[in-house]
N, C-alpha and C. Protein backbone atom coordinates (compact mmCIF):
# COMPACT_ATOMS: atom_id res chain seq x y z
N MET A 1 -47.04 42.85 -11.97
CA MET A 1 -48.66 44.20 -12.10
C MET A 1 -50.01 44.09 -12.76
N LEU A 2 -50.61 44.95 -11.71
CA LEU A 2 -52.45 44.15 -12.31
C LEU A 2 -52.98 45.01 -13.29
N PRO A 3 -53.76 44.56 -13.87
CA PRO A 3 -54.38 45.04 -14.50
C PRO A 3 -54.62 46.39 -14.65
N ALA A 4 -55.19 47.21 -14.25
CA ALA A 4 -55.77 48.20 -13.65
C ALA A 4 -54.13 49.07 -13.53
N GLN A 5 -53.31 48.99 -13.45
CA GLN A 5 -51.77 49.15 -13.44
C GLN A 5 -50.91 49.65 -14.71
N ILE A 6 -51.92 48.56 -15.00
CA ILE A 6 -50.94 48.82 -16.99
C ILE A 6 -52.05 49.25 -17.58
N ARG A 7 -53.11 49.63 -17.05
CA ARG A 7 -54.04 50.73 -18.17
C ARG A 7 -53.56 51.32 -17.11
N ALA A 8 -53.59 52.09 -16.54
CA ALA A 8 -53.31 53.61 -16.03
C ALA A 8 -51.89 53.81 -16.73
N ILE A 9 -50.57 52.92 -16.09
CA ILE A 9 -49.76 53.44 -17.19
C ILE A 9 -49.75 53.51 -18.72
N ALA A 10 -50.01 52.92 -18.87
CA ALA A 10 -50.40 53.17 -20.63
C ALA A 10 -51.40 54.31 -21.18
N LYS A 11 -52.20 54.96 -20.00
CA LYS A 11 -53.22 56.15 -20.27
C LYS A 11 -52.27 57.22 -19.91
N GLU A 12 -51.20 57.19 -18.97
CA GLU A 12 -50.71 57.90 -18.96
C GLU A 12 -49.33 58.65 -20.05
N THR A 13 -48.96 57.31 -20.45
CA THR A 13 -48.25 57.59 -21.84
C THR A 13 -48.71 58.43 -22.53
N VAL A 14 -50.18 57.88 -22.99
CA VAL A 14 -50.67 58.06 -24.08
C VAL A 14 -50.77 60.28 -24.25
N GLU A 15 -51.12 60.57 -23.28
CA GLU A 15 -51.52 61.55 -22.47
C GLU A 15 -50.04 62.39 -22.70
N ARG A 16 -49.50 61.48 -21.91
CA ARG A 16 -48.29 62.75 -22.04
C ARG A 16 -47.24 62.74 -23.61
N ARG A 17 -47.08 61.27 -24.27
CA ARG A 17 -47.13 61.65 -25.73
C ARG A 17 -47.34 62.40 -26.89
N TYR A 18 -49.21 62.37 -26.46
CA TYR A 18 -50.15 62.57 -27.24
C TYR A 18 -51.62 63.76 -26.50
N HIS A 19 -50.77 64.87 -25.98
CA HIS A 19 -51.66 65.73 -25.18
C HIS A 19 -53.24 65.92 -25.95
N SER A 20 -54.22 65.35 -25.18
CA SER A 20 -55.64 65.64 -25.52
C SER A 20 -56.18 67.08 -25.87
N ASN A 21 -55.21 67.74 -25.96
CA ASN A 21 -55.40 69.34 -26.08
C ASN A 21 -55.18 69.80 -27.98
N LEU A 22 -53.82 68.61 -27.77
CA LEU A 22 -53.78 68.47 -29.34
C LEU A 22 -54.33 67.49 -30.61
N TRP A 23 -54.48 66.32 -29.98
CA TRP A 23 -55.17 64.68 -30.92
C TRP A 23 -56.35 64.86 -30.09
N THR A 24 -56.64 63.99 -31.18
CA THR A 24 -58.11 62.84 -30.52
C THR A 24 -58.24 61.89 -29.91
N HIS A 25 -58.37 61.71 -29.19
CA HIS A 25 -58.18 60.22 -28.74
C HIS A 25 -58.96 59.28 -28.84
N VAL A 26 -59.19 57.97 -29.51
CA VAL A 26 -60.45 57.19 -29.89
C VAL A 26 -60.48 55.89 -29.10
N SER A 27 -60.56 55.24 -28.74
CA SER A 27 -60.69 54.52 -28.29
C SER A 27 -61.67 53.03 -28.59
N THR A 28 -61.09 51.92 -29.33
CA THR A 28 -61.67 50.86 -29.67
C THR A 28 -62.13 49.63 -29.42
N ASP A 29 -63.28 48.70 -29.03
CA ASP A 29 -62.95 47.82 -28.52
C ASP A 29 -63.99 46.61 -29.43
N GLY A 30 -63.65 45.39 -29.74
CA GLY A 30 -64.33 44.18 -30.31
C GLY A 30 -64.50 43.55 -29.42
N SER A 31 -65.89 42.95 -29.32
CA SER A 31 -66.36 42.13 -28.37
C SER A 31 -67.10 41.08 -28.37
N ILE A 32 -67.61 40.00 -27.72
CA ILE A 32 -68.18 39.04 -27.80
C ILE A 32 -68.99 38.81 -26.10
N ILE A 33 -69.95 38.88 -26.52
CA ILE A 33 -71.08 38.14 -24.81
C ILE A 33 -70.66 37.10 -24.17
N GLU A 34 -71.36 35.51 -25.62
CA GLU A 34 -70.77 34.54 -25.19
C GLU A 34 -70.85 34.58 -27.10
N ARG A 35 -70.37 32.75 -26.92
CA ARG A 35 -70.39 32.17 -28.16
C ARG A 35 -70.91 31.67 -28.98
N GLY A 36 -70.60 32.07 -29.73
CA GLY A 36 -72.55 31.88 -31.07
C GLY A 36 -73.20 32.66 -30.86
N THR A 37 -72.56 34.05 -30.54
CA THR A 37 -74.25 35.13 -30.63
C THR A 37 -73.21 36.36 -31.11
N GLY A 38 -72.07 36.35 -31.41
CA GLY A 38 -71.72 37.53 -32.32
C GLY A 38 -70.94 38.65 -32.01
N ALA A 39 -70.06 38.95 -32.87
CA ALA A 39 -68.81 39.91 -32.18
C ALA A 39 -70.02 41.20 -32.32
N GLY A 40 -69.16 42.36 -31.97
CA GLY A 40 -69.72 43.73 -32.20
C GLY A 40 -68.44 44.51 -32.41
N ALA A 41 -68.53 45.18 -32.92
CA ALA A 41 -67.45 46.89 -33.10
C ALA A 41 -67.61 48.12 -32.59
N GLY A 42 -67.31 48.80 -31.71
CA GLY A 42 -67.24 49.42 -31.27
C GLY A 42 -66.00 50.69 -31.02
N ALA A 43 -66.60 51.97 -31.50
CA ALA A 43 -65.39 53.17 -31.27
C ALA A 43 -65.93 54.74 -30.42
N TYR A 44 -65.38 54.99 -29.41
CA TYR A 44 -65.84 56.27 -28.65
C TYR A 44 -64.54 57.31 -28.16
N CYS A 45 -65.20 58.67 -28.03
CA CYS A 45 -64.27 59.34 -27.91
C CYS A 45 -65.06 60.54 -27.39
N ASN A 46 -64.45 62.01 -27.29
CA ASN A 46 -65.13 63.18 -26.68
C ASN A 46 -65.99 63.36 -27.27
N TYR A 47 -66.14 63.32 -29.34
CA TYR A 47 -66.95 63.53 -29.99
C TYR A 47 -68.02 62.85 -30.39
N PHE A 48 -67.65 61.13 -30.27
CA PHE A 48 -68.82 60.10 -30.88
C PHE A 48 -68.75 59.15 -29.97
N ALA A 49 -69.93 58.40 -30.52
CA ALA A 49 -69.79 56.66 -29.88
C ALA A 49 -70.57 56.01 -31.21
N PHE A 50 -69.82 54.69 -31.54
CA PHE A 50 -70.79 53.91 -31.59
C PHE A 50 -70.27 52.29 -31.19
N TYR A 51 -72.03 51.69 -32.04
CA TYR A 51 -71.72 50.40 -31.63
C TYR A 51 -72.35 49.76 -32.55
N GLU A 52 -71.60 48.79 -33.28
CA GLU A 52 -72.23 47.92 -34.86
C GLU A 52 -72.15 46.18 -34.69
N PRO A 53 -72.98 45.60 -34.38
CA PRO A 53 -72.87 44.07 -34.67
C PRO A 53 -72.71 43.86 -35.90
N LEU A 54 -72.22 42.38 -35.59
CA LEU A 54 -71.37 42.28 -36.44
C LEU A 54 -72.31 40.41 -36.85
N GLY A 55 -71.55 39.74 -37.87
CA GLY A 55 -71.72 38.65 -37.40
C GLY A 55 -71.57 37.29 -37.13
N ARG A 56 -72.44 36.11 -36.80
CA ARG A 56 -72.23 35.33 -35.41
C ARG A 56 -71.09 34.99 -35.81
N ASP A 57 -70.59 34.77 -36.54
CA ASP A 57 -69.62 33.95 -36.77
C ASP A 57 -68.19 34.07 -36.94
N LEU A 58 -68.00 35.81 -36.01
CA LEU A 58 -66.81 36.37 -36.15
C LEU A 58 -65.84 36.54 -34.80
N THR A 59 -64.93 37.03 -34.53
CA THR A 59 -64.87 36.70 -33.19
C THR A 59 -64.53 37.93 -32.31
N ASN A 60 -64.18 38.45 -31.10
CA ASN A 60 -63.87 39.86 -30.62
C ASN A 60 -62.33 40.81 -31.64
N PHE A 61 -61.60 39.94 -32.45
CA PHE A 61 -60.54 39.95 -32.53
C PHE A 61 -61.45 40.81 -34.15
N ASP A 62 -62.06 40.16 -34.90
CA ASP A 62 -62.28 40.91 -35.97
C ASP A 62 -63.46 42.03 -35.60
N GLY A 63 -63.88 41.66 -34.36
CA GLY A 63 -65.09 43.49 -33.45
C GLY A 63 -63.82 44.41 -34.14
N GLU A 64 -62.00 43.60 -33.40
CA GLU A 64 -61.58 45.08 -33.54
C GLU A 64 -61.02 45.69 -34.24
N VAL A 65 -60.72 44.37 -35.58
CA VAL A 65 -60.38 45.50 -36.54
C VAL A 65 -61.45 45.67 -37.50
N GLU A 66 -62.51 45.70 -37.52
CA GLU A 66 -63.90 46.58 -37.73
C GLU A 66 -63.88 48.01 -37.50
N ALA A 67 -63.41 48.13 -36.38
CA ALA A 67 -63.76 49.31 -35.25
C ALA A 67 -62.85 50.11 -36.11
N ILE A 68 -61.88 50.23 -35.75
CA ILE A 68 -60.39 50.23 -36.26
C ILE A 68 -60.33 50.89 -38.27
N PHE A 69 -61.20 49.70 -38.80
CA PHE A 69 -61.52 50.46 -40.04
C PHE A 69 -63.00 51.15 -39.94
N ILE A 70 -63.64 51.39 -39.63
CA ILE A 70 -64.84 52.04 -39.79
C ILE A 70 -64.04 53.93 -39.42
N ILE A 71 -63.55 53.16 -37.99
CA ILE A 71 -62.54 54.56 -37.67
C ILE A 71 -61.89 55.80 -39.04
C-alpha cells in the first residue's frame, strides 16, 4: 500500500469514529530540516496553528512530544 493510501484510510477512520462536527481534530508535527539545525514543534487545526523552534540537539521525535505537550 502506498503512503498516500494509508494516510487516506487513517483520515477516513478518524472522521468516521470522531466526526469533526463533534470533535476538534488537531494534527501535530515534529520535524527537523537538516541535521544539526535543530528540531521544531507544530500543531494545527481549524481554530489555531503554531510552530515553535526547539534546541539544536533535539530530534523530530522530541518535536512531536513537545507539540503534544503544548496542546
